[in-house]
C-alpha atoms as a PDB file:
ATOM      1  CA  MET A   1      17.283 -46.376  11.503  1.00  0.00           C
ATOM      2  CA  GLU A   2      18.486 -48.310   8.475  1.00  0.00           C
ATOM      3  CA  ARG A   3      15.009 -48.125   6.940  1.00  0.00           C
ATOM      4  CA  PHE A   4      15.092 -44.336   7.291  1.00  0.00           C
ATOM      5  CA  PHE A   5      18.320 -44.109   5.272  1.00  0.00           C
ATOM      6  CA  ILE A   6      16.863 -46.397   2.609  1.00  0.00           C
ATOM      7  CA  LEU A   7      13.817 -44.126   2.486  1.00  0.00           C
ATOM      8  CA  ILE A   8      16.013 -41.024   2.085  1.00  0.00           C
ATOM      9  CA  GLN A   9      18.024 -42.733  -0.652  1.00  0.00           C
ATOM     10  CA  SER A  10      14.874 -43.728  -2.521  1.00  0.00           C
ATOM     11  CA  VAL A  11      13.339 -40.266  -2.343  1.00  0.00           C
ATOM     12  CA  LEU A  12      16.532 -38.499  -3.436  1.00  0.00           C
ATOM     13  CA  ALA A  13      17.115 -40.944  -6.281  1.00  0.00           C
ATOM     14  CA  ALA A  14      13.542 -40.479  -7.473  1.00  0.00           C
ATOM     15  CA  MET A  15      13.811 -36.685  -7.255  1.00  0.00           C
ATOM     16  CA  PHE A  16      16.959 -36.632  -9.376  1.00  0.00           C
ATOM     17  CA  GLY A  17      15.631 -39.265 -11.785  1.00  0.00           C
ATOM     18  CA  VAL A  18      18.383 -41.813 -11.217  1.00  0.00           C
ATOM     19  CA  GLN A  19      16.447 -44.536  -9.414  1.00  0.00           C
ATOM     20  CA  SER A  20      16.920 -48.040 -10.771  1.00  0.00           C
ATOM     21  CA  GLN A  21      14.005 -50.141 -11.958  1.00  0.00           C
ATOM     22  CA  ALA A  22      14.662 -52.683  -9.190  1.00  0.00           C
ATOM     23  CA  LYS A  23      14.487 -50.013  -6.446  1.00  0.00           C
ATOM     24  CA  TYR A  24      11.386 -48.587  -8.106  1.00  0.00           C
ATOM     25  CA  ARG A  25       9.662 -51.968  -7.840  1.00  0.00           C
ATOM     26  CA  VAL A  26      10.730 -52.421  -4.202  1.00  0.00           C
ATOM     27  CA  ASP A  27       9.458 -48.955  -3.279  1.00  0.00           C
ATOM     28  CA  PHE A  28       6.102 -49.450  -4.973  1.00  0.00           C
ATOM     29  CA  ASN A  29       5.625 -52.782  -3.206  1.00  0.00           C
ATOM     30  CA  GLN A  30       5.804 -51.083   0.194  1.00  0.00           C
ATOM     31  CA  LYS A  31       2.702 -51.160   2.334  1.00  0.00           C
ATOM     32  CA  HIS A  32       2.405 -47.412   2.898  1.00  0.00           C
ATOM     33  CA  PHE A  33       2.918 -44.477   0.563  1.00  0.00           C
ATOM     34  CA  TRP A  34       2.903 -41.737   3.227  1.00  0.00           C
ATOM     35  CA  PRO A  35       6.528 -41.938   4.423  1.00  0.00           C
ATOM     36  CA  PHE A  36       7.727 -41.381   0.849  1.00  0.00           C
ATOM     37  CA  ALA A  37       5.293 -38.528   0.251  1.00  0.00           C
ATOM     38  CA  LEU A  38       6.059 -36.792   3.551  1.00  0.00           C
ATOM     39  CA  LEU A  39       9.817 -37.008   3.051  1.00  0.00           C
ATOM     40  CA  ALA A  40       9.518 -35.796  -0.548  1.00  0.00           C
ATOM     41  CA  VAL A  41       7.490 -32.769   0.557  1.00  0.00           C
ATOM     42  CA  CYS A  42      10.063 -31.991   3.265  1.00  0.00           C
ATOM     43  CA  PHE A  43      12.909 -32.181   0.742  1.00  0.00           C
ATOM     44  CA  VAL A  44      11.083 -29.928  -1.724  1.00  0.00           C
ATOM     45  CA  ILE A  45      10.387 -27.354   1.000  1.00  0.00           C
ATOM     46  CA  ALA A  46      14.043 -27.483   2.097  1.00  0.00           C
ATOM     47  CA  LEU A  47      15.165 -27.065  -1.526  1.00  0.00           C
ATOM     48  CA  VAL A  48      12.922 -24.027  -2.044  1.00  0.00           C
ATOM     49  CA  ILE A  49      14.125 -22.419   1.188  1.00  0.00           C
ATOM     50  CA  ALA A  50      17.779 -23.097   0.302  1.00  0.00           C
ATOM     51  CA  LEU A  51      17.354 -21.645  -3.184  1.00  0.00           C
ATOM     52  CA  ALA A  52      15.560 -18.581  -1.856  1.00  0.00           C
ATOM     53  CA  TRP A  53      18.305 -18.036   0.722  1.00  0.00           C
ATOM     54  CA  PHE A  54      21.022 -18.474  -1.925  1.00  0.00           C
ATOM     55  CA  VAL A  55      19.370 -16.098  -4.390  1.00  0.00           C
ATOM     56  CA  ASN A  56      18.763 -13.553  -1.641  1.00  0.00           C
ATOM     57  CA  ASP A  57      22.455 -13.638  -0.687  1.00  0.00           C
ATOM     58  CA  VAL A  58      23.604 -13.294  -4.298  1.00  0.00           C
ATOM     59  CA  VAL A  59      21.243 -10.433  -5.158  1.00  0.00           C
ATOM     60  CA  LEU A  60      21.798  -8.442  -1.995  1.00  0.00           C
END
């Protein structure tokens, strides 16, 4: 469970461009890339849906 929160923190920090160089190195030394990619895609989809919902509520 703790690893999942570290993964979320890393993906969010990378998406907002505030990830430290040390965390960047730790993340790129991980064995698998797929958990980061899958979580990033999920966050992007959630962001697009949230923005579409917000804009739809404001316009209508």
